Amino acid sequence: MKIKFSATINNMSLKKDGEYRLELKVPLLDIAKPISMVRLLSVGFIVGILSEEKSKAIITEAYFYKLAIDREGESKVIISFSGESIADDSLSFFGKHQEETVNIIIRSKKNEG
C-alpha cells in the first residue's frame, strides 16, 4: 500500500518514553488520503517527506497514532516513531520546515497490495 499527499508540518514532539509524534495538517482536498491510513493500524510503515526545495526526511518505521477531522474538513494525522527510526540529520528537517507544506509518501512495510 502506498499513499501520497501534501500536508503542513504542524508539530513534532518527543515524549517521555522516547517516541516522537509528528502532527500533519491535511487540507480538505486530500481528506481521502488520511482516511485511507486507517488501514495501516498496527502495521509499521515507511514515511518519506519532501520539501519544496527538495530536502527530505526518511522515517524507516512509523506507526499510525491518531486521525482527527474538524468540521471544515481539515485532517490532523499524527504518526509515532522511535529515535532509532530516523537519521539524526533528518530531525533538523522538521524544525526547518515547521508550518510549511511538504509532500508525504507512506508505504506499508508489509505487502498488502
PDB file of N, CA and C in Angstrom:
ATOM      1  N   MET A   1       0.835  -1.175   0.000  1.00  0.00           N
ATOM      2  CA  MET A   1       0.000   0.000   0.000  1.00  0.00           C
ATOM      3  C   MET A   1       0.881   1.239   0.000  1.00  0.00           C
ATOM      4  N   LYS A   2       0.540   2.198  -0.855  1.00  0.00           N
ATOM      5  CA  LYS A   2       1.307   3.440  -0.962  1.00  0.00           C
ATOM      6  C   LYS A   2       0.320   4.605  -0.983  1.00  0.00           C
ATOM      7  N   ILE A   3       0.578   5.609  -0.149  1.00  0.00           N
ATOM      8  CA  ILE A   3      -0.289   6.779  -0.053  1.00  0.00           C
ATOM      9  C   ILE A   3       0.571   8.021  -0.254  1.00  0.00           C
ATOM     10  N   LYS A   4       0.146   8.921  -1.151  1.00  0.00           N
ATOM     11  CA  LYS A   4       0.847  10.180  -1.394  1.00  0.00           C
ATOM     12  C   LYS A   4      -0.124  11.323  -1.139  1.00  0.00           C
ATOM     13  N   PHE A   5       0.349  12.349  -0.430  1.00  0.00           N
ATOM     14  CA  PHE A   5      -0.473  13.529  -0.207  1.00  0.00           C
ATOM     15  C   PHE A   5       0.406  14.694   0.236  1.00  0.00           C
ATOM     16  N   SER A   6      -0.165  15.894   0.200  1.00  0.00           N
ATOM     17  CA  SER A   6       0.509  17.091   0.695  1.00  0.00           C
ATOM     18  C   SER A   6      -0.046  17.413   2.066  1.00  0.00           C
ATOM     19  N   ALA A   7       0.804  17.933   2.925  1.00  0.00           N
ATOM     20  CA  ALA A   7       0.392  18.279   4.283  1.00  0.00           C
ATOM     21  C   ALA A   7       1.296  19.392   4.799  1.00  0.00           C
ATOM     22  N   THR A   8       0.856  20.003   5.884  1.00  0.00           N
ATOM     23  CA  THR A   8       1.658  21.003   6.581  1.00  0.00           C
ATOM     24  C   THR A   8       2.165  20.379   7.871  1.00  0.00           C
ATOM     25  N   ILE A   9       3.467  20.533   8.124  1.00  0.00           N
ATOM     26  CA  ILE A   9       4.024  20.040   9.384  1.00  0.00           C
ATOM     27  C   ILE A   9       3.536  20.977  10.485  1.00  0.00           C
ATOM     28  N   ASN A  10       2.705  20.461  11.367  1.00  0.00           N
ATOM     29  CA  ASN A  10       2.110  21.289  12.413  1.00  0.00           C
ATOM     30  C   ASN A  10       2.944  21.265  13.693  1.00  0.00           C
ATOM     31  N   ASN A  11       3.432  20.090  14.054  1.00  0.00           N
ATOM     32  CA  ASN A  11       4.162  19.969  15.309  1.00  0.00           C
ATOM     33  C   ASN A  11       4.926  18.651  15.331  1.00  0.00           C
ATOM     34  N   MET A  12       6.051  18.635  16.022  1.00  0.00           N
ATOM     35  CA  MET A  12       6.738  17.395  16.321  1.00  0.00           C
ATOM     36  C   MET A  12       7.183  17.468  17.764  1.00  0.00           C
ATOM     37  N   SER A  13       6.948  16.398  18.508  1.00  0.00           N
ATOM     38  CA  SER A  13       7.315  16.396  19.922  1.00  0.00           C
ATOM     39  C   SER A  13       7.962  15.071  20.298  1.00  0.00           C
ATOM     40  N   LEU A  14       8.756  15.119  21.338  1.00  0.00           N
ATOM     41  CA  LEU A  14       9.405  13.933  21.886  1.00  0.00           C
ATOM     42  C   LEU A  14       8.729  13.619  23.211  1.00  0.00           C
ATOM     43  N   LYS A  15       8.212  12.426  23.353  1.00  0.00           N
ATOM     44  CA  LYS A  15       7.513  12.005  24.571  1.00  0.00           C
ATOM     45  C   LYS A  15       8.495  11.386  25.562  1.00  0.00           C
ATOM     46  N   LYS A  16       8.057  11.239  26.808  1.00  0.00           N
ATOM     47  CA  LYS A  16       8.916  10.693  27.867  1.00  0.00           C
ATOM     48  C   LYS A  16       9.424   9.294  27.553  1.00  0.00           C
ATOM     49  N   ASP A  17       8.628   8.512  26.830  1.00  0.00           N
ATOM     50  CA  ASP A  17       9.019   7.142  26.519  1.00  0.00           C
ATOM     51  C   ASP A  17      10.001   7.054  25.348  1.00  0.00           C
ATOM     52  N   GLY A  18      10.444   8.213  24.825  1.00  0.00           N
ATOM     53  CA  GLY A  18      11.412   8.228  23.731  1.00  0.00           C
ATOM     54  C   GLY A  18      10.778   8.182  22.350  1.00  0.00           C
ATOM     55  N   GLU A  19       9.465   8.187  22.273  1.00  0.00           N
ATOM     56  CA  GLU A  19       8.762   8.176  20.990  1.00  0.00           C
ATOM     57  C   GLU A  19       8.554   9.612  20.505  1.00  0.00           C
ATOM     58  N   TYR A  20       8.726   9.808  19.214  1.00  0.00           N
ATOM     59  CA  TYR A  20       8.413  11.080  18.587  1.00  0.00           C
ATOM     60  C   TYR A  20       6.991  11.019  18.054  1.00  0.00           C
ATOM     61  N   ARG A  21       6.315  12.151  18.064  1.00  0.00           N
ATOM     62  CA  ARG A  21       4.985  12.262  17.468  1.00  0.00           C
ATOM     63  C   ARG A  21       5.039  13.406  16.468  1.00  0.00           C
ATOM     64  N   LEU A  22       4.684  13.116  15.241  1.00  0.00           N
ATOM     65  CA  LEU A  22       4.672  14.099  14.169  1.00  0.00           C
ATOM     66  C   LEU A  22       3.231  14.367  13.779  1.00  0.00           C
ATOM     67  N   GLU A  23       2.815  15.620  13.906  1.00  0.00           N
ATOM     68  CA  GLU A  23       1.451  16.004  13.558  1.00  0.00           C
ATOM     69  C   GLU A  23       1.454  16.722  12.218  1.00  0.00           C
ATOM     70  N   LEU A  24       0.615  16.240  11.322  1.00  0.00           N
ATOM     71  CA  LEU A  24       0.492  16.803   9.989  1.00  0.00           C
ATOM     72  C   LEU A  24      -0.929  17.304   9.781  1.00  0.00           C
ATOM     73  N   LYS A  25      -1.074  18.486   9.194  1.00  0.00           N
ATOM     74  CA  LYS A  25      -2.391  19.014   8.837  1.00  0.00           C
ATOM     75  C   LYS A  25      -2.601  18.774   7.349  1.00  0.00           C
ATOM     76  N   VAL A  26      -3.727  18.146   7.031  1.00  0.00           N
ATOM     77  CA  VAL A  26      -4.045  17.803   5.649  1.00  0.00           C
ATOM     78  C   VAL A  26      -5.312  18.558   5.247  1.00  0.00           C
ATOM     79  N   PRO A  27      -5.281  19.304   4.131  1.00  0.00           N
ATOM     80  CA  PRO A  27      -6.460  20.079   3.725  1.00  0.00           C
ATOM     81  C   PRO A  27      -7.600  19.194   3.238  1.00  0.00           C
ATOM     82  N   LEU A  28      -8.785  19.777   3.186  1.00  0.00           N
ATOM     83  CA  LEU A  28      -9.992  19.072   2.746  1.00  0.00           C
ATOM     84  C   LEU A  28      -9.797  18.407   1.390  1.00  0.00           C
ATOM     85  N   LEU A  29      -9.068  19.034   0.508  1.00  0.00           N
ATOM     86  CA  LEU A  29      -8.827  18.497  -0.833  1.00  0.00           C
ATOM     87  C   LEU A  29      -8.282  17.066  -0.800  1.00  0.00           C
ATOM     88  N   ASP A  30      -7.454  16.749   0.202  1.00  0.00           N
ATOM     89  CA  ASP A  30      -6.830  15.424   0.311  1.00  0.00           C
ATOM     90  C   ASP A  30      -7.423  14.578   1.436  1.00  0.00           C
ATOM     91  N   ILE A  31      -8.662  14.819   1.833  1.00  0.00           N
ATOM     92  CA  ILE A  31      -9.231  14.145   3.007  1.00  0.00           C
ATOM     93  C   ILE A  31      -9.264  12.620   2.863  1.00  0.00           C
ATOM     94  N   ALA A  32      -9.413  12.108   1.664  1.00  0.00           N
ATOM     95  CA  ALA A  32      -9.475  10.648   1.481  1.00  0.00           C
ATOM     96  C   ALA A  32      -8.146   9.979   1.809  1.00  0.00           C
ATOM     97  N   LYS A  33      -7.046  10.668   1.628  1.00  0.00           N
ATOM     98  CA  LYS A  33      -5.722  10.072   1.875  1.00  0.00           C
ATOM     99  C   LYS A  33      -5.512   9.717   3.343  1.00  0.00           C
ATOM    100  N   PRO A  34      -5.724  10.664   4.282  1.00  0.00           N
ATOM    101  CA  PRO A  34      -5.537  10.275   5.679  1.00  0.00           C
ATOM    102  C   PRO A  34      -6.546   9.234   6.146  1.00  0.00           C
ATOM    103  N   ILE A  35      -7.746   9.281   5.614  1.00  0.00           N
ATOM    104  CA  ILE A  35      -8.739   8.272   5.992  1.00  0.00           C
ATOM    105  C   ILE A  35      -8.263   6.890   5.563  1.00  0.00           C
ATOM    106  N   SER A  36      -7.628   6.799   4.403  1.00  0.00           N
ATOM    107  CA  SER A  36      -7.127   5.501   3.940  1.00  0.00           C
ATOM    108  C   SER A  36      -5.983   4.990   4.814  1.00  0.00           C
ATOM    109  N   MET A  37      -5.357   5.872   5.598  1.00  0.00           N
ATOM    110  CA  MET A  37      -4.284   5.455   6.508  1.00  0.00           C
ATOM    111  C   MET A  37      -4.792   4.562   7.631  1.00  0.00           C
ATOM    112  N   VAL A  38      -6.084   4.602   7.889  1.00  0.00           N
ATOM    113  CA  VAL A  38      -6.649   3.756   8.947  1.00  0.00           C
ATOM    114  C   VAL A  38      -6.348   2.287   8.665  1.00  0.00           C
ATOM    115  N   ARG A  39      -6.202   1.933   7.413  1.00  0.00           N
ATOM    116  CA  ARG A  39      -5.834   0.553   7.051  1.00  0.00           C
ATOM    117  C   ARG A  39      -4.466   0.164   7.604  1.00  0.00           C
ATOM    118  N   LEU A  40      -3.669   1.144   7.987  1.00  0.00           N
ATOM    119  CA  LEU A  40      -2.318   0.884   8.486  1.00  0.00           C
ATOM    120  C   LEU A  40      -2.260   0.729  10.004  1.00  0.00           C
ATOM    121  N   LEU A  41      -3.413   0.651  10.661  1.00  0.00           N
ATOM    122  CA  LEU A  41      -3.416   0.418  12.107  1.00  0.00           C
ATOM    123  C   LEU A  41      -2.618  -0.830  12.423  1.00  0.00           C
ATOM    124  N   SER A  42      -1.752  -0.754  13.389  1.00  0.00           N
ATOM    125  CA  SER A  42      -0.927  -1.878  13.859  1.00  0.00           C
ATOM    126  C   SER A  42       0.082  -2.378  12.831  1.00  0.00           C
ATOM    127  N   VAL A  43       0.292  -1.636  11.762  1.00  0.00           N
ATOM    128  CA  VAL A  43       1.246  -2.037  10.729  1.00  0.00           C
ATOM    129  C   VAL A  43       2.319  -0.952  10.631  1.00  0.00           C
ATOM    130  N   GLY A  44       3.568  -1.338  10.742  1.00  0.00           N
ATOM    131  CA  GLY A  44       4.647  -0.373  10.578  1.00  0.00           C
ATOM    132  C   GLY A  44       4.731   0.068   9.130  1.00  0.00           C
ATOM    133  N   PHE A  45       5.093   1.337   8.921  1.00  0.00           N
ATOM    134  CA  PHE A  45       5.230   1.831   7.553  1.00  0.00           C
ATOM    135  C   PHE A  45       6.424   2.767   7.454  1.00  0.00           C
ATOM    136  N   ILE A  46       6.830   3.031   6.243  1.00  0.00           N
ATOM    137  CA  ILE A  46       7.955   3.912   5.937  1.00  0.00           C
ATOM    138  C   ILE A  46       7.377   5.250   5.476  1.00  0.00           C
ATOM    139  N   VAL A  47       7.975   6.355   5.953  1.00  0.00           N
ATOM    140  CA  VAL A  47       7.500   7.679   5.590  1.00  0.00           C
ATOM    141  C   VAL A  47       8.629   8.444   4.915  1.00  0.00           C
ATOM    142  N   GLY A  48       8.348   8.992   3.758  1.00  0.00           N
ATOM    143  CA  GLY A  48       9.266   9.901   3.077  1.00  0.00           C
ATOM    144  C   GLY A  48       8.618  11.275   3.029  1.00  0.00           C
ATOM    145  N   ILE A  49       9.365  12.308   3.412  1.00  0.00           N
ATOM    146  CA  ILE A  49       8.834  13.668   3.428  1.00  0.00           C
ATOM    147  C   ILE A  49       9.772  14.531   2.598  1.00  0.00           C
ATOM    148  N   LEU A  50       9.198  15.258   1.645  1.00  0.00           N
ATOM    149  CA  LEU A  50       9.998  16.054   0.712  1.00  0.00           C
ATOM    150  C   LEU A  50       9.494  17.493   0.727  1.00  0.00           C
ATOM    151  N   SER A  51      10.417  18.443   0.968  1.00  0.00           N
ATOM    152  CA  SER A  51      10.048  19.858   0.972  1.00  0.00           C
ATOM    153  C   SER A  51      10.074  20.394  -0.454  1.00  0.00           C
ATOM    154  N   GLU A  52       9.601  21.628  -0.611  1.00  0.00           N
ATOM    155  CA  GLU A  52       9.594  22.245  -1.937  1.00  0.00           C
ATOM    156  C   GLU A  52      10.991  22.405  -2.508  1.00  0.00           C
ATOM    157  N   GLU A  53      11.999  22.663  -1.654  1.00  0.00           N
ATOM    158  CA  GLU A  53      13.363  22.814  -2.176  1.00  0.00           C
ATOM    159  C   GLU A  53      14.105  21.485  -2.226  1.00  0.00           C
ATOM    160  N   LYS A  54      13.356  20.402  -2.148  1.00  0.00           N
ATOM    161  CA  LYS A  54      13.862  19.034  -2.339  1.00  0.00           C
ATOM    162  C   LYS A  54      14.703  18.483  -1.202  1.00  0.00           C
ATOM    163  N   SER A  55      14.694  19.123  -0.018  1.00  0.00           N
ATOM    164  CA  SER A  55      15.323  18.458   1.121  1.00  0.00           C
ATOM    165  C   SER A  55      14.347  17.394   1.605  1.00  0.00           C
ATOM    166  N   LYS A  56      14.867  16.366   2.276  1.00  0.00           N
ATOM    167  CA  LYS A  56      13.977  15.265   2.634  1.00  0.00           C
ATOM    168  C   LYS A  56      14.306  14.686   3.996  1.00  0.00           C
ATOM    169  N   ALA A  57      13.321  13.985   4.532  1.00  0.00           N
ATOM    170  CA  ALA A  57      13.473  13.225   5.770  1.00  0.00           C
ATOM    171  C   ALA A  57      12.853  11.861   5.517  1.00  0.00           C
ATOM    172  N   ILE A  58      13.504  10.834   6.017  1.00  0.00           N
ATOM    173  CA  ILE A  58      13.005   9.462   5.881  1.00  0.00           C
ATOM    174  C   ILE A  58      12.845   8.869   7.272  1.00  0.00           C
ATOM    175  N   ILE A  59      11.674   8.321   7.527  1.00  0.00           N
ATOM    176  CA  ILE A  59      11.414   7.599   8.774  1.00  0.00           C
ATOM    177  C   ILE A  59      11.252   6.140   8.377  1.00  0.00           C
ATOM    178  N   THR A  60      12.113   5.279   8.879  1.00  0.00           N
ATOM    179  CA  THR A  60      12.134   3.884   8.416  1.00  0.00           C
ATOM    180  C   THR A  60      11.073   2.994   9.051  1.00  0.00           C
ATOM    181  N   GLU A  61      10.563   3.386  10.207  1.00  0.00           N
ATOM    182  CA  GLU A  61       9.480   2.608  10.810  1.00  0.00           C
ATOM    183  C   GLU A  61       8.629   3.515  11.677  1.00  0.00           C
ATOM    184  N   ALA A  62       7.429   3.803  11.186  1.00  0.00           N
ATOM    185  CA  ALA A  62       6.486   4.659  11.898  1.00  0.00           C
ATOM    186  C   ALA A  62       5.179   3.906  12.062  1.00  0.00           C
ATOM    187  N   TYR A  63       4.336   4.439  12.934  1.00  0.00           N
ATOM    188  CA  TYR A  63       3.021   3.842  13.186  1.00  0.00           C
ATOM    189  C   TYR A  63       1.962   4.929  13.191  1.00  0.00           C
ATOM    190  N   PHE A  64       0.792   4.589  12.704  1.00  0.00           N
ATOM    191  CA  PHE A  64      -0.361   5.481  12.742  1.00  0.00           C
ATOM    192  C   PHE A  64      -0.753   5.668  14.199  1.00  0.00           C
ATOM    193  N   TYR A  65      -0.856   6.895  14.661  1.00  0.00           N
ATOM    194  CA  TYR A  65      -1.188   7.162  16.056  1.00  0.00           C
ATOM    195  C   TYR A  65      -2.599   7.715  16.208  1.00  0.00           C
ATOM    196  N   LYS A  66      -2.948   8.730  15.396  1.00  0.00           N
ATOM    197  CA  LYS A  66      -4.247   9.364  15.576  1.00  0.00           C
ATOM    198  C   LYS A  66      -4.673  10.093  14.308  1.00  0.00           C
ATOM    199  N   LEU A  67      -5.984  10.139  14.091  1.00  0.00           N
ATOM    200  CA  LEU A  67      -6.575  10.901  12.998  1.00  0.00           C
ATOM    201  C   LEU A  67      -7.743  11.689  13.564  1.00  0.00           C
ATOM    202  N   ALA A  68      -7.776  12.991  13.291  1.00  0.00           N
ATOM    203  CA  ALA A  68      -8.901  13.834  13.699  1.00  0.00           C
ATOM    204  C   ALA A  68      -9.302  14.692  12.505  1.00  0.00           C
ATOM    205  N   ILE A  69     -10.603  14.862  12.324  1.00  0.00           N
ATOM    206  CA  ILE A  69     -11.120  15.681  11.228  1.00  0.00           C
ATOM    207  C   ILE A  69     -12.035  16.736  11.839  1.00  0.00           C
ATOM    208  N   ASP A  70     -11.753  18.013  11.536  1.00  0.00           N
ATOM    209  CA  ASP A  70     -12.605  19.066  12.087  1.00  0.00           C
ATOM    210  C   ASP A  70     -13.782  19.332  11.153  1.00  0.00           C
ATOM    211  N   ARG A  71     -14.673  20.223  11.553  1.00  0.00           N
ATOM    212  CA  ARG A  71     -15.889  20.424  10.776  1.00  0.00           C
ATOM    213  C   ARG A  71     -15.656  21.162   9.464  1.00  0.00           C
ATOM    214  N   GLU A  72     -14.489  21.767   9.283  1.00  0.00           N
ATOM    215  CA  GLU A  72     -14.134  22.359   7.991  1.00  0.00           C
ATOM    216  C   GLU A  72     -13.524  21.323   7.052  1.00  0.00           C
ATOM    217  N   GLY A  73     -13.321  20.112   7.536  1.00  0.00           N
ATOM    218  CA  GLY A  73     -12.779  19.039   6.708  1.00  0.00           C
ATOM    219  C   GLY A  73     -11.268  18.929   6.743  1.00  0.00           C
ATOM    220  N   GLU A  74     -10.605  19.756   7.548  1.00  0.00           N
ATOM    221  CA  GLU A  74      -9.151  19.644   7.669  1.00  0.00           C
ATOM    222  C   GLU A  74      -8.824  18.476   8.589  1.00  0.00           C
ATOM    223  N   SER A  75      -7.878  17.659   8.176  1.00  0.00           N
ATOM    224  CA  SER A  75      -7.493  16.482   8.946  1.00  0.00           C
ATOM    225  C   SER A  75      -6.194  16.746   9.688  1.00  0.00           C
ATOM    226  N   LYS A  76      -6.073  16.157  10.857  1.00  0.00           N
ATOM    227  CA  LYS A  76      -4.808  16.135  11.581  1.00  0.00           C
ATOM    228  C   LYS A  76      -4.430  14.672  11.732  1.00  0.00           C
ATOM    229  N   VAL A  77      -3.302  14.336  11.168  1.00  0.00           N
ATOM    230  CA  VAL A  77      -2.780  12.975  11.233  1.00  0.00           C
ATOM    231  C   VAL A  77      -1.565  13.013  12.145  1.00  0.00           C
ATOM    232  N   ILE A  78      -1.508  12.106  13.102  1.00  0.00           N
ATOM    233  CA  ILE A  78      -0.343  12.014  13.975  1.00  0.00           C
ATOM    234  C   ILE A  78       0.273  10.635  13.789  1.00  0.00           C
ATOM    235  N   ILE A  79       1.565  10.632  13.482  1.00  0.00           N
ATOM    236  CA  ILE A  79       2.294   9.370  13.378  1.00  0.00           C
ATOM    237  C   ILE A  79       3.329   9.330  14.492  1.00  0.00           C
ATOM    238  N   SER A  80       3.681   8.134  14.906  1.00  0.00           N
ATOM    239  CA  SER A  80       4.597   7.913  16.016  1.00  0.00           C
ATOM    240  C   SER A  80       5.789   7.103  15.508  1.00  0.00           C
ATOM    241  N   PHE A  81       6.986   7.445  16.002  1.00  0.00           N
ATOM    242  CA  PHE A  81       8.174   6.679  15.625  1.00  0.00           C
ATOM    243  C   PHE A  81       9.247   6.850  16.689  1.00  0.00           C
ATOM    244  N   SER A  82      10.169   5.917  16.738  1.00  0.00           N
ATOM    245  CA  SER A  82      11.251   5.990  17.720  1.00  0.00           C
ATOM    246  C   SER A  82      12.434   6.763  17.132  1.00  0.00           C
ATOM    247  N   GLY A  83      13.320   7.202  18.010  1.00  0.00           N
ATOM    248  CA  GLY A  83      14.504   7.928  17.580  1.00  0.00           C
ATOM    249  C   GLY A  83      15.429   7.096  16.711  1.00  0.00           C
ATOM    250  N   GLU A  84      15.390   5.770  16.876  1.00  0.00           N
ATOM    251  CA  GLU A  84      16.235   4.903  16.055  1.00  0.00           C
ATOM    252  C   GLU A  84      15.715   4.769  14.630  1.00  0.00           C
ATOM    253  N   SER A  85      14.474   5.196  14.391  1.00  0.00           N
ATOM    254  CA  SER A  85      13.859   5.038  13.068  1.00  0.00           C
ATOM    255  C   SER A  85      14.123   6.212  12.138  1.00  0.00           C
ATOM    256  N   ILE A  86      14.910   7.182  12.608  1.00  0.00           N
ATOM    257  CA  ILE A  86      15.178   8.354  11.781  1.00  0.00           C
ATOM    258  C   ILE A  86      16.638   8.769  11.948  1.00  0.00           C
ATOM    259  N   ALA A  87      17.244   9.177  10.856  1.00  0.00           N
ATOM    260  CA  ALA A  87      18.635   9.643  10.908  1.00  0.00           C
ATOM    261  C   ALA A  87      18.693  10.967  11.650  1.00  0.00           C
ATOM    262  N   ASP A  88      19.789  11.203  12.377  1.00  0.00           N
ATOM    263  CA  ASP A  88      19.946  12.434  13.162  1.00  0.00           C
ATOM    264  C   ASP A  88      19.787  13.687  12.304  1.00  0.00           C
ATOM    265  N   ASP A  89      20.333  13.666  11.091  1.00  0.00           N
ATOM    266  CA  ASP A  89      20.232  14.845  10.234  1.00  0.00           C
ATOM    267  C   ASP A  89      18.800  15.079   9.758  1.00  0.00           C
ATOM    268  N   SER A  90      17.957  14.058   9.771  1.00  0.00           N
ATOM    269  CA  SER A  90      16.561  14.229   9.378  1.00  0.00           C
ATOM    270  C   SER A  90      15.748  14.927  10.454  1.00  0.00           C
ATOM    271  N   LEU A  91      16.175  14.856  11.723  1.00  0.00           N
ATOM    272  CA  LEU A  91      15.437  15.523  12.800  1.00  0.00           C
ATOM    273  C   LEU A  91      15.418  17.035  12.592  1.00  0.00           C
ATOM    274  N   SER A  92      16.496  17.604  12.100  1.00  0.00           N
ATOM    275  CA  SER A  92      16.538  19.049  11.875  1.00  0.00           C
ATOM    276  C   SER A  92      15.577  19.476  10.764  1.00  0.00           C
ATOM    277  N   PHE A  93      15.218  18.556   9.879  1.00  0.00           N
ATOM    278  CA  PHE A  93      14.273  18.835   8.798  1.00  0.00           C
ATOM    279  C   PHE A  93      12.970  19.401   9.352  1.00  0.00           C
ATOM    280  N   PHE A  94      12.483  18.817  10.454  1.00  0.00           N
ATOM    281  CA  PHE A  94      11.177  19.204  10.981  1.00  0.00           C
ATOM    282  C   PHE A  94      11.184  20.606  11.573  1.00  0.00           C
ATOM    283  N   GLY A  95      12.293  21.015  12.165  1.00  0.00           N
ATOM    284  CA  GLY A  95      12.405  22.380  12.663  1.00  0.00           C
ATOM    285  C   GLY A  95      12.483  23.398  11.538  1.00  0.00           C
ATOM    286  N   LYS A  96      13.211  23.062  10.487  1.00  0.00           N
ATOM    287  CA  LYS A  96      13.376  23.970   9.350  1.00  0.00           C
ATOM    288  C   LYS A  96      12.082  24.151   8.567  1.00  0.00           C
ATOM    289  N   HIS A  97      11.248  23.124   8.538  1.00  0.00           N
ATOM    290  CA  HIS A  97      10.063  23.147   7.678  1.00  0.00           C
ATOM    291  C   HIS A  97       8.752  23.184   8.459  1.00  0.00           C
ATOM    292  N   GLN A  98       8.820  23.628   9.718  1.00  0.00           N
ATOM    293  CA  GLN A  98       7.617  23.792  10.543  1.00  0.00           C
ATOM    294  C   GLN A  98       6.652  24.744   9.840  1.00  0.00           C
ATOM    295  N   GLU A  99       5.385  24.398   9.802  1.00  0.00           N
ATOM    296  CA  GLU A  99       4.326  25.205   9.188  1.00  0.00           C
ATOM    297  C   GLU A  99       4.489  25.357   7.674  1.00  0.00           C
ATOM    298  N   GLU A 100       5.273  24.497   7.038  1.00  0.00           N
ATOM    299  CA  GLU A 100       5.399  24.512   5.584  1.00  0.00           C
ATOM    300  C   GLU A 100       4.658  23.319   4.999  1.00  0.00           C
ATOM    301  N   THR A 101       4.219  23.488   3.758  1.00  0.00           N
ATOM    302  CA  THR A 101       3.586  22.381   3.049  1.00  0.00           C
ATOM    303  C   THR A 101       4.680  21.487   2.478  1.00  0.00           C
ATOM    304  N   VAL A 102       4.551  20.200   2.729  1.00  0.00           N
ATOM    305  CA  VAL A 102       5.507  19.204   2.258  1.00  0.00           C
ATOM    306  C   VAL A 102       4.737  18.079   1.567  1.00  0.00           C
ATOM    307  N   ASN A 103       5.445  17.279   0.802  1.00  0.00           N
ATOM    308  CA  ASN A 103       4.850  16.107   0.165  1.00  0.00           C
ATOM    309  C   ASN A 103       5.191  14.877   0.998  1.00  0.00           C
ATOM    310  N   ILE A 104       4.199  14.069   1.261  1.00  0.00           N
ATOM    311  CA  ILE A 104       4.335  12.880   2.095  1.00  0.00           C
ATOM    312  C   ILE A 104       4.106  11.641   1.245  1.00  0.00           C
ATOM    313  N   ILE A 105       4.962  10.656   1.406  1.00  0.00           N
ATOM    314  CA  ILE A 105       4.762   9.339   0.788  1.00  0.00           C
ATOM    315  C   ILE A 105       4.845   8.314   1.903  1.00  0.00           C
ATOM    316  N   ILE A 106       3.794   7.533   2.041  1.00  0.00           N
ATOM    317  CA  ILE A 106       3.745   6.487   3.056  1.00  0.00           C
ATOM    318  C   ILE A 106       3.640   5.154   2.343  1.00  0.00           C
ATOM    319  N   ARG A 107       4.498   4.234   2.726  1.00  0.00           N
ATOM    320  CA  ARG A 107       4.496   2.889   2.121  1.00  0.00           C
ATOM    321  C   ARG A 107       4.483   1.866   3.242  1.00  0.00           C
ATOM    322  N   SER A 108       3.535   0.943   3.203  1.00  0.00           N
ATOM    323  CA  SER A 108       3.463  -0.074   4.239  1.00  0.00           C
ATOM    324  C   SER A 108       4.662  -1.008   4.154  1.00  0.00           C
ATOM    325  N   LYS A 109       5.102  -1.489   5.294  1.00  0.00           N
ATOM    326  CA  LYS A 109       6.241  -2.424   5.331  1.00  0.00           C
ATOM    327  C   LYS A 109       5.813  -3.811   4.913  1.00  0.00           C
ATOM    328  N   LYS A 110       4.556  -4.150   5.211  1.00  0.00           N
ATOM    329  CA  LYS A 110       4.021  -5.443   4.793  1.00  0.00           C
ATOM    330  C   LYS A 110       3.449  -5.286   3.394  1.00  0.00           C
ATOM    331  N   ASN A 111       3.500  -6.323   2.605  1.00  0.00           N
ATOM    332  CA  ASN A 111       2.925  -6.274   1.264  1.00  0.00           C
ATOM    333  C   ASN A 111       1.436  -6.522   1.370  1.00  0.00           C
ATOM    334  N   GLU A 112       0.650  -5.420   1.321  1.00  0.00           N
ATOM    335  CA  GLU A 112      -0.787  -5.534   1.493  1.00  0.00           C
ATOM    336  C   GLU A 112      -1.542  -5.348   0.193  1.00  0.00           C
ATOM    337  N   GLY A 113      -0.835  -5.056  -0.885  1.00  0.00           N
ATOM    338  CA  GLY A 113      -1.484  -4.896  -2.162  1.00  0.00           C
ATOM    339  C   GLY A 113      -2.043  -3.577  -2.442  1.00  0.00           C
TER     340      GLY A 113
END
